[in-house]
C-alpha atoms as a PDB file:
ATOM      1  CA  UNK A   1      87.295 -21.677 178.532  1.00  0.00           C
ATOM      2  CA  UNK A   2      90.985 -21.010 179.261  1.00  0.00           C
ATOM      3  CA  UNK A   3      92.540 -21.324 182.691  1.00  0.00           C
ATOM      4  CA  UNK A   4      93.514 -17.627 182.539  1.00  0.00           C
ATOM      5  CA  UNK A   5      89.906 -16.636 181.871  1.00  0.00           C
ATOM      6  CA  UNK A   6      88.704 -18.886 184.715  1.00  0.00           C
ATOM      7  CA  UNK A   7      91.097 -17.175 187.122  1.00  0.00           C
ATOM      8  CA  UNK A   8      90.034 -13.685 186.022  1.00  0.00           C
ATOM      9  CA  UNK A   9      86.365 -14.611 186.426  1.00  0.00           C
ATOM     10  CA  UNK A  10      86.988 -16.063 189.882  1.00  0.00           C
ATOM     11  CA  UNK A  11      88.851 -12.932 190.997  1.00  0.00           C
ATOM     12  CA  UNK A  12      85.995 -10.688 189.864  1.00  0.00           C
ATOM     13  CA  UNK A  13      83.607 -12.883 191.846  1.00  0.00           C
ATOM     14  CA  UNK A  14      85.851 -12.705 194.935  1.00  0.00           C
ATOM     15  CA  UNK A  15      86.066  -8.930 194.661  1.00  0.00           C
ATOM     16  CA  UNK A  16      82.282  -8.656 194.518  1.00  0.00           C
ATOM     17  CA  UNK A  17      81.883 -11.096 197.415  1.00  0.00           C
ATOM     18  CA  UNK A  18      84.381  -9.183 199.547  1.00  0.00           C
ATOM     19  CA  UNK A  19      82.490  -5.997 198.831  1.00  0.00           C
ATOM     20  CA  UNK A  20      79.156  -7.486 199.881  1.00  0.00           C
ATOM     21  CA  UNK A  21      80.444  -9.156 203.041  1.00  0.00           C
ATOM     22  CA  UNK A  22      82.160  -5.979 204.139  1.00  0.00           C
ATOM     23  CA  UNK A  23      78.801  -4.452 205.015  1.00  0.00           C
ATOM     24  CA  UNK A  24      78.957  -0.687 205.184  1.00  0.00           C
ATOM     25  CA  UNK A  25      81.641   0.331 202.757  1.00  0.00           C
ATOM     26  CA  UNK A  26      83.804   3.289 202.315  1.00  0.00           C
ATOM     27  CA  UNK A  27      81.735   6.396 201.747  1.00  0.00           C
ATOM     28  CA  UNK A  28      82.603   8.938 204.431  1.00  0.00           C
ATOM     29  CA  UNK A  29      85.428   7.523 206.535  1.00  0.00           C
ATOM     30  CA  UNK A  30      85.333   9.731 209.583  1.00  0.00           C
ATOM     31  CA  UNK A  31      87.438   7.251 211.566  1.00  0.00           C
ATOM     32  CA  UNK A  32      90.286   7.684 209.075  1.00  0.00           C
ATOM     33  CA  UNK A  33      90.231  11.462 208.996  1.00  0.00           C
ATOM     34  CA  UNK A  34      88.690  11.609 205.523  1.00  0.00           C
ATOM     35  CA  UNK A  35      86.405  14.452 204.535  1.00  0.00           C
ATOM     36  CA  UNK A  36      84.907  12.618 201.575  1.00  0.00           C
ATOM     37  CA  UNK A  37      81.157  13.003 201.962  1.00  0.00           C
ATOM     38  CA  UNK A  38      80.177  11.180 198.780  1.00  0.00           C
ATOM     39  CA  UNK A  39      77.359   8.637 198.768  1.00  0.00           C
ATOM     40  CA  UNK A  40      77.971   5.089 199.889  1.00  0.00           C
ATOM     41  CA  UNK A  41      79.285   2.794 197.140  1.00  0.00           C
ATOM     42  CA  UNK A  42      76.638   0.930 195.205  1.00  0.00           C
ATOM     43  CA  UNK A  43      78.901  -1.768 193.757  1.00  0.00           C
ATOM     44  CA  UNK A  44      82.445  -3.201 193.730  1.00  0.00           C
ATOM     45  CA  UNK A  45      83.612  -0.696 191.110  1.00  0.00           C
ATOM     46  CA  UNK A  46      83.289   2.064 193.719  1.00  0.00           C
ATOM     47  CA  UNK A  47      86.147   0.464 195.628  1.00  0.00           C
ATOM     48  CA  UNK A  48      88.476   1.824 192.964  1.00  0.00           C
ATOM     49  CA  UNK A  49      88.023   5.254 194.600  1.00  0.00           C
ATOM     50  CA  UNK A  50      90.137   3.944 197.487  1.00  0.00           C
ATOM     51  CA  UNK A  51      93.740   2.923 197.842  1.00  0.00           C
ATOM     52  CA  UNK A  52      94.564   1.873 201.386  1.00  0.00           C
ATOM     53  CA  UNK A  53      97.960   2.750 202.795  1.00  0.00           C
ATOM     54  CA  UNK A  54      99.661   2.712 206.179  1.00  0.00           C
ATOM     55  CA  UNK A  55     102.027   4.991 208.095  1.00  0.00           C
ATOM     56  CA  UNK A  56     104.318   3.934 210.933  1.00  0.00           C
ATOM     57  CA  UNK A  57     105.872   6.777 212.932  1.00  0.00           C
ATOM     58  CA  UNK A  58     108.945   5.228 214.545  1.00  0.00           C
ATOM     59  CA  UNK A  59     109.599   8.418 216.515  1.00  0.00           C
ATOM     60  CA  UNK A  60     106.429   7.743 218.517  1.00  0.00           C
ATOM     61  CA  UNK A  61     106.594   3.958 219.010  1.00  0.00           C
ATOM     62  CA  UNK A  62     107.492   2.939 222.585  1.00  0.00           C
ATOM     63  CA  UNK A  63     107.573  -0.825 222.011  1.00  0.00           C
ATOM     64  CA  UNK A  64     104.671  -1.546 224.351  1.00  0.00           C
ATOM     65  CA  UNK A  65     103.303  -4.363 222.167  1.00  0.00           C
ATOM     66  CA  UNK A  66      99.687  -3.198 222.400  1.00  0.00           C
ATOM     67  CA  UNK A  67      99.370  -3.346 218.616  1.00  0.00           C
ATOM     68  CA  UNK A  68     100.591  -6.941 218.527  1.00  0.00           C
ATOM     69  CA  UNK A  69      98.201  -8.063 221.251  1.00  0.00           C
ATOM     70  CA  UNK A  70      95.263  -6.310 219.609  1.00  0.00           C
ATOM     71  CA  UNK A  71      96.043  -7.902 216.250  1.00  0.00           C
ATOM     72  CA  UNK A  72      96.323 -11.347 217.842  1.00  0.00           C
ATOM     73  CA  UNK A  73      92.912 -11.033 219.450  1.00  0.00           C
ATOM     74  CA  UNK A  74      91.118  -9.398 216.528  1.00  0.00           C
ATOM     75  CA  UNK A  75      92.385 -11.828 213.897  1.00  0.00           C
ATOM     76  CA  UNK A  76      92.790 -14.981 215.986  1.00  0.00           C
ATOM     77  CA  UNK A  77      96.463 -15.270 215.037  1.00  0.00           C
ATOM     78  CA  UNK A  78      97.905 -18.625 216.205  1.00  0.00           C
ATOM     79  CA  UNK A  79     100.618 -18.798 218.845  1.00  0.00           C
ATOM     80  CA  UNK A  80     104.110 -18.320 217.495  1.00  0.00           C
ATOM     81  CA  UNK A  81     102.971 -16.326 214.462  1.00  0.00           C
ATOM     82  CA  UNK A  82     102.335 -12.624 213.904  1.00  0.00           C
ATOM     83  CA  UNK A  83     100.563 -10.409 211.409  1.00  0.00           C
ATOM     84  CA  UNK A  84     102.401  -7.472 212.933  1.00  0.00           C
ATOM     85  CA  UNK A  85     105.339  -7.311 215.296  1.00  0.00           C
ATOM     86  CA  UNK A  86     107.782  -4.789 216.776  1.00  0.00           C
ATOM     87  CA  UNK A  87     111.562  -4.938 216.500  1.00  0.00           C
ATOM     88  CA  UNK A  88     113.992  -3.280 218.900  1.00  0.00           C
ATOM     89  CA  UNK A  89     117.183  -1.779 217.489  1.00  0.00           C
ATOM     90  CA  UNK A  90     120.143  -1.055 219.761  1.00  0.00           C
ATOM     91  CA  UNK A  91     123.366   0.511 218.514  1.00  0.00           C
ATOM     92  CA  UNK A  92     126.467   0.234 220.668  1.00  0.00           C
ATOM     93  CA  UNK A  93     129.527   2.481 220.929  1.00  0.00           C
ATOM     94  CA  UNK A  94     131.246   0.442 218.237  1.00  0.00           C
ATOM     95  CA  UNK A  95     128.349   1.196 215.881  1.00  0.00           C
ATOM     96  CA  UNK A  96     127.239  -2.427 215.837  1.00  0.00           C
ATOM     97  CA  UNK A  97     123.491  -2.889 215.408  1.00  0.00           C
ATOM     98  CA  UNK A  98     121.647  -5.379 217.633  1.00  0.00           C
ATOM     99  CA  UNK A  99     118.071  -6.354 216.736  1.00  0.00           C
ATOM    100  CA  UNK A 100     115.571  -8.431 218.681  1.00  0.00           C
ATOM    101  CA  UNK A 101     111.836  -9.007 218.886  1.00  0.00           C
ATOM    102  CA  UNK A 102     111.039 -11.391 221.756  1.00  0.00           C
ATOM    103  CA  UNK A 103     107.864 -13.252 220.826  1.00  0.00           C
ATOM    104  CA  UNK A 104     107.056 -10.482 218.372  1.00  0.00           C
ATOM    105  CA  UNK A 105     107.021  -8.014 221.330  1.00  0.00           C
ATOM    106  CA  UNK A 106     103.730  -9.585 222.401  1.00  0.00           C
ATOM    107  CA  UNK A 107     104.702  -8.931 226.005  1.00  0.00           C
ATOM    108  CA  UNK A 108     106.757  -5.838 225.238  1.00  0.00           C
ATOM    109  CA  UNK A 109     110.500  -5.779 225.982  1.00  0.00           C
ATOM    110  CA  UNK A 110     110.990  -6.828 229.578  1.00  0.00           C
ATOM    111  CA  UNK A 111     114.744  -7.366 229.497  1.00  0.00           C
ATOM    112  CA  UNK A 112     117.735  -5.731 227.863  1.00  0.00           C
ATOM    113  CA  UNK A 113     118.920  -7.544 224.772  1.00  0.00           C
ATOM    114  CA  UNK A 114     122.510  -6.319 224.967  1.00  0.00           C
ATOM    115  CA  UNK A 115     124.100  -6.139 228.420  1.00  0.00           C
ATOM    116  CA  UNK A 116     127.799  -6.382 227.614  1.00  0.00           C
ATOM    117  CA  UNK A 117     127.958  -3.227 225.479  1.00  0.00           C
ATOM    118  CA  UNK A 118     127.313   0.442 226.058  1.00  0.00           C
ATOM    119  CA  UNK A 119     124.222   1.313 224.020  1.00  0.00           C
ATOM    120  CA  UNK A 120     124.325   4.802 222.530  1.00  0.00           C
ATOM    121  CA  UNK A 121     121.072   4.657 220.585  1.00  0.00           C
ATOM    122  CA  UNK A 122     117.884   2.569 220.700  1.00  0.00           C
ATOM    123  CA  UNK A 123     114.489   2.677 219.012  1.00  0.00           C
ATOM    124  CA  UNK A 124     111.528   0.493 217.999  1.00  0.00           C
ATOM    125  CA  UNK A 125     110.236  -0.376 214.518  1.00  0.00           C
ATOM    126  CA  UNK A 126     106.778  -1.931 214.030  1.00  0.00           C
ATOM    127  CA  UNK A 127     106.432  -4.109 210.946  1.00  0.00           C
ATOM    128  CA  UNK A 128     103.525  -5.562 208.979  1.00  0.00           C
ATOM    129  CA  UNK A 129     102.564  -6.506 205.426  1.00  0.00           C
ATOM    130  CA  UNK A 130     103.531  -3.650 203.110  1.00  0.00           C
ATOM    131  CA  UNK A 131     100.654  -4.314 200.658  1.00  0.00           C
ATOM    132  CA  UNK A 132     103.027  -3.664 197.785  1.00  0.00           C
ATOM    133  CA  UNK A 133     101.749  -2.432 194.455  1.00  0.00           C
ATOM    134  CA  UNK A 134     104.246  -4.734 192.728  1.00  0.00           C
ATOM    135  CA  UNK A 135     104.010  -7.540 195.244  1.00  0.00           C
ATOM    136  CA  UNK A 136     106.246 -10.566 194.840  1.00  0.00           C
ATOM    137  CA  UNK A 137     103.731 -12.803 196.607  1.00  0.00           C
ATOM    138  CA  UNK A 138     101.017 -12.318 193.997  1.00  0.00           C
ATOM    139  CA  UNK A 139     103.487 -13.037 191.206  1.00  0.00           C
ATOM    140  CA  UNK A 140     104.635 -16.410 192.491  1.00  0.00           C
ATOM    141  CA  UNK A 141     101.308 -17.863 193.678  1.00  0.00           C
ATOM    142  CA  UNK A 142     100.639 -20.819 191.335  1.00  0.00           C
ATOM    143  CA  UNK A 143      96.850 -20.784 191.825  1.00  0.00           C
ATOM    144  CA  UNK A 144      96.115 -17.055 192.068  1.00  0.00           C
ATOM    145  CA  UNK A 145      95.055 -17.319 195.709  1.00  0.00           C
ATOM    146  CA  UNK A 146      96.961 -14.161 196.611  1.00  0.00           C
ATOM    147  CA  UNK A 147      95.531 -11.147 194.850  1.00  0.00           C
ATOM    148  CA  UNK A 148      95.049  -7.371 194.956  1.00  0.00           C
ATOM    149  CA  UNK A 149      91.611  -6.117 195.974  1.00  0.00           C
ATOM    150  CA  UNK A 150      90.134  -3.229 193.932  1.00  0.00           C
ATOM    151  CA  UNK A 151      91.024  -0.875 196.791  1.00  0.00           C
ATOM    152  CA  UNK A 152      94.676  -1.839 196.985  1.00  0.00           C
ATOM    153  CA  UNK A 153      94.865  -4.455 199.736  1.00  0.00           C
ATOM    154  CA  UNK A 154      96.766  -7.708 199.199  1.00  0.00           C
ATOM    155  CA  UNK A 155      94.469 -10.527 200.299  1.00  0.00           C
ATOM    156  CA  UNK A 156      94.463 -14.333 200.368  1.00  0.00           C
ATOM    157  CA  UNK A 157      91.669 -16.536 199.045  1.00  0.00           C
ATOM    158  CA  UNK A 158      91.701 -19.358 201.575  1.00  0.00           C
ATOM    159  CA  UNK A 159      89.348 -21.454 199.475  1.00  0.00           C
ATOM    160  CA  UNK A 160      91.984 -21.783 196.771  1.00  0.00           C
ATOM    161  CA  UNK A 161      95.266 -21.444 198.691  1.00  0.00           C
ATOM    162  CA  UNK A 162      97.077 -24.789 198.683  1.00  0.00           C
ATOM    163  CA  UNK A 163      99.579 -23.874 201.389  1.00  0.00           C
ATOM    164  CA  UNK A 164     102.600 -24.379 199.128  1.00  0.00           C
ATOM    165  CA  UNK A 165     104.535 -21.590 200.833  1.00  0.00           C
ATOM    166  CA  UNK A 166     105.842 -19.959 197.647  1.00  0.00           C
ATOM    167  CA  UNK A 167     104.476 -16.577 198.740  1.00  0.00           C
ATOM    168  CA  UNK A 168     106.096 -16.942 202.166  1.00  0.00           C
ATOM    169  CA  UNK A 169     109.478 -17.483 200.542  1.00  0.00           C
ATOM    170  CA  UNK A 170     108.964 -14.673 198.016  1.00  0.00           C
ATOM    171  CA  UNK A 171     107.990 -11.954 200.505  1.00  0.00           C
ATOM    172  CA  UNK A 172     111.137  -9.864 201.110  1.00  0.00           C
ATOM    173  CA  UNK A 173     109.695  -8.437 204.339  1.00  0.00           C
ATOM    174  CA  UNK A 174     109.019 -11.694 206.180  1.00  0.00           C
ATOM    175  CA  UNK A 175     105.362 -10.783 206.588  1.00  0.00           C
ATOM    176  CA  UNK A 176     103.756 -14.116 205.698  1.00  0.00           C
ATOM    177  CA  UNK A 177     103.465 -17.509 207.345  1.00  0.00           C
ATOM    178  CA  UNK A 178     101.649 -20.792 206.833  1.00  0.00           C
ATOM    179  CA  UNK A 179      98.857 -21.257 209.355  1.00  0.00           C
ATOM    180  CA  UNK A 180      98.942 -24.940 210.255  1.00  0.00           C
ATOM    181  CA  UNK A 181      95.445 -24.780 211.713  1.00  0.00           C
ATOM    182  CA  UNK A 182      94.069 -23.451 208.425  1.00  0.00           C
ATOM    183  CA  UNK A 183      96.499 -25.094 206.053  1.00  0.00           C
ATOM    184  CA  UNK A 184      96.859 -21.850 204.133  1.00  0.00           C
ATOM    185  CA  UNK A 185      99.074 -18.785 203.972  1.00  0.00           C
ATOM    186  CA  UNK A 186      98.176 -15.897 206.268  1.00  0.00           C
ATOM    187  CA  UNK A 187      99.273 -12.319 206.943  1.00  0.00           C
ATOM    188  CA  UNK A 188      98.077  -8.794 207.729  1.00  0.00           C
ATOM    189  CA  UNK A 189      94.973  -7.742 205.785  1.00  0.00           C
ATOM    190  CA  UNK A 190      94.813  -4.199 207.200  1.00  0.00           C
ATOM    191  CA  UNK A 191      91.791  -5.547 209.097  1.00  0.00           C
ATOM    192  CA  UNK A 192      89.850  -5.539 205.841  1.00  0.00           C
ATOM    193  CA  UNK A 193      86.707  -6.579 207.707  1.00  0.00           C
ATOM    194  CA  UNK A 194      87.001  -3.456 209.872  1.00  0.00           C
ATOM    195  CA  UNK A 195      87.992  -0.700 207.466  1.00  0.00           C
ATOM    196  CA  UNK A 196      84.903  -1.403 205.387  1.00  0.00           C
ATOM    197  CA  UNK A 197      82.734  -0.817 208.430  1.00  0.00           C
ATOM    198  CA  UNK A 198      84.301   2.615 208.998  1.00  0.00           C
ATOM    199  CA  UNK A 199      86.450   1.225 211.804  1.00  0.00           C
ATOM    200  CA  UNK A 200      90.164   1.643 212.379  1.00  0.00           C
ATOM    201  CA  UNK A 201      92.448  -1.385 212.207  1.00  0.00           C
ATOM    202  CA  UNK A 202      92.894  -3.168 215.526  1.00  0.00           C
ATOM    203  CA  UNK A 203      96.537  -2.115 215.824  1.00  0.00           C
ATOM    204  CA  UNK A 204      95.746   1.548 215.143  1.00  0.00           C
ATOM    205  CA  UNK A 205      93.001   1.502 217.757  1.00  0.00           C
ATOM    206  CA  UNK A 206      95.299  -0.059 220.356  1.00  0.00           C
ATOM    207  CA  UNK A 207      98.358   2.162 219.882  1.00  0.00           C
ATOM    208  CA  UNK A 208      98.606   4.584 222.839  1.00  0.00           C
ATOM    209  CA  UNK A 209     101.048   6.852 221.004  1.00  0.00           C
ATOM    210  CA  UNK A 210      99.299   7.317 217.646  1.00  0.00           C
ATOM    211  CA  UNK A 211     102.297   5.727 215.939  1.00  0.00           C
ATOM    212  CA  UNK A 212     100.123   3.914 213.366  1.00  0.00           C
ATOM    213  CA  UNK A 213      97.842   5.470 210.768  1.00  0.00           C
ATOM    214  CA  UNK A 214      95.727   3.789 208.089  1.00  0.00           C
ATOM    215  CA  UNK A 215      93.892   5.708 205.388  1.00  0.00           C
ATOM    216  CA  UNK A 216      92.868   6.316 201.800  1.00  0.00           C
ATOM    217  CA  UNK A 217      95.790   7.423 199.630  1.00  0.00           C
ATOM    218  CA  UNK A 218      93.437   8.591 196.898  1.00  0.00           C
ATOM    219  CA  UNK A 219      91.770  11.174 199.138  1.00  0.00           C
ATOM    220  CA  UNK A 220      93.915  14.347 199.074  1.00  0.00           C
ATOM    221  CA  UNK A 221      92.187  15.537 202.265  1.00  0.00           C
ATOM    222  CA  UNK A 222      92.810  12.385 204.287  1.00  0.00           C
ATOM    223  CA  UNK A 223      95.168  12.408 207.234  1.00  0.00           C
ATOM    224  CA  UNK A 224      97.529   9.906 205.646  1.00  0.00           C
ATOM    225  CA  UNK A 225      97.926  12.059 202.527  1.00  0.00           C
ATOM    226  CA  UNK A 226      98.475  15.170 204.622  1.00  0.00           C
ATOM    227  CA  UNK A 227     101.200  13.514 206.697  1.00  0.00           C
ATOM    228  CA  UNK A 228     102.957  12.111 203.643  1.00  0.00           C
ATOM    229  CA  UNK A 229     102.967  15.637 202.222  1.00  0.00           C
ATOM    230  CA  UNK A 230     104.206  17.259 205.433  1.00  0.00           C
ATOM    231  CA  UNK A 231     106.730  14.717 206.754  1.00  0.00           C
ATOM    232  CA  UNK A 232     109.730  12.960 205.333  1.00  0.00           C
ATOM    233  CA  UNK A 233     109.173   9.236 205.019  1.00  0.00           C
ATOM    234  CA  UNK A 234     111.069   6.141 203.962  1.00  0.00           C
ATOM    235  CA  UNK A 235     110.255   2.704 202.594  1.00  0.00           C
ATOM    236  CA  UNK A 236     111.639  -0.676 203.543  1.00  0.00           C
ATOM    237  CA  UNK A 237     113.918  -2.132 200.862  1.00  0.00           C
ATOM    238  CA  UNK A 238     113.011   0.387 198.135  1.00  0.00           C
ATOM    239  CA  UNK A 239     115.712  -1.086 195.901  1.00  0.00           C
ATOM    240  CA  UNK A 240     113.494  -4.139 195.298  1.00  0.00           C
ATOM    241  CA  UNK A 241     110.934  -2.012 193.399  1.00  0.00           C
ATOM    242  CA  UNK A 242     107.971  -3.689 195.110  1.00  0.00           C
ATOM    243  CA  UNK A 243     106.467  -0.215 195.648  1.00  0.00           C
ATOM    244  CA  UNK A 244     105.322  -0.849 199.241  1.00  0.00           C
ATOM    245  CA  UNK A 245     102.464   1.169 200.751  1.00  0.00           C
ATOM    246  CA  UNK A 246     103.702   1.073 204.331  1.00  0.00           C
ATOM    247  CA  UNK A 247     105.431   4.415 204.858  1.00  0.00           C
ATOM    248  CA  UNK A 248     107.869   4.959 207.733  1.00  0.00           C
ATOM    249  CA  UNK A 249     108.432   8.294 209.415  1.00  0.00           C
ATOM    250  CA  UNK A 250     111.756   8.684 211.207  1.00  0.00           C
ATOM    251  CA  UNK A 251     113.187   5.417 209.898  1.00  0.00           C
ATOM    252  CA  UNK A 252     116.899   4.990 210.661  1.00  0.00           C
ATOM    253  CA  UNK A 253     119.302   3.794 207.999  1.00  0.00           C
ATOM    254  CA  UNK A 254     120.171   0.784 210.175  1.00  0.00           C
ATOM    255  CA  UNK A 255     116.716  -0.708 209.634  1.00  0.00           C
ATOM    256  CA  UNK A 256     116.510  -3.392 206.954  1.00  0.00           C
END
């Protein structure tokens, strides 16, 4: 049996295992604003009816850090690392852009970053894994430990990840890190264990300004589809053709 066939067989097994361990899966997702009242999935193939995406509305983010704290607690993220974080952008009168994110904004932004310049514009930009359709991380992984789930989430198989760090280097969004306690790569999973129990992601639940939205892109009646139809949105680094599924509303051109 070829190595390629072994990897394909293992991925199918992982997909089925993820489906079973998720518990209640994705029939009628009231928490995500979906009006799909179809029966609960009976097998992993039903996951193909879903394609999870994420919206960040930068016009509503206040940089409070609640999303970061919630993610840390929910996913037991080690100190010094983040599955999601918030960046502060300040533009001075000379049109110079200043960016900071003290400790990932875990404790919000308690002090001014720029004191010697007159700031004419400032805003916050939350960031997380973009769960790209053409993800660089899945392409460079030498053992196939990073893969796409049937419902469009980029996940990591910790049983097979060797902690080489190739995916960390390949990610153009800086969304991955090597967890020294686990010895494997880690990142945002869109709270995969929650969305398959009809629960919102931890960061969405914690946001006091409704600046984060997660939902099924394949459901034309879902809130995320409605907002993408009604509002103008942007992508981070679209020129890389990774086809990210984290959509930004109100994103300034200064954001990279």
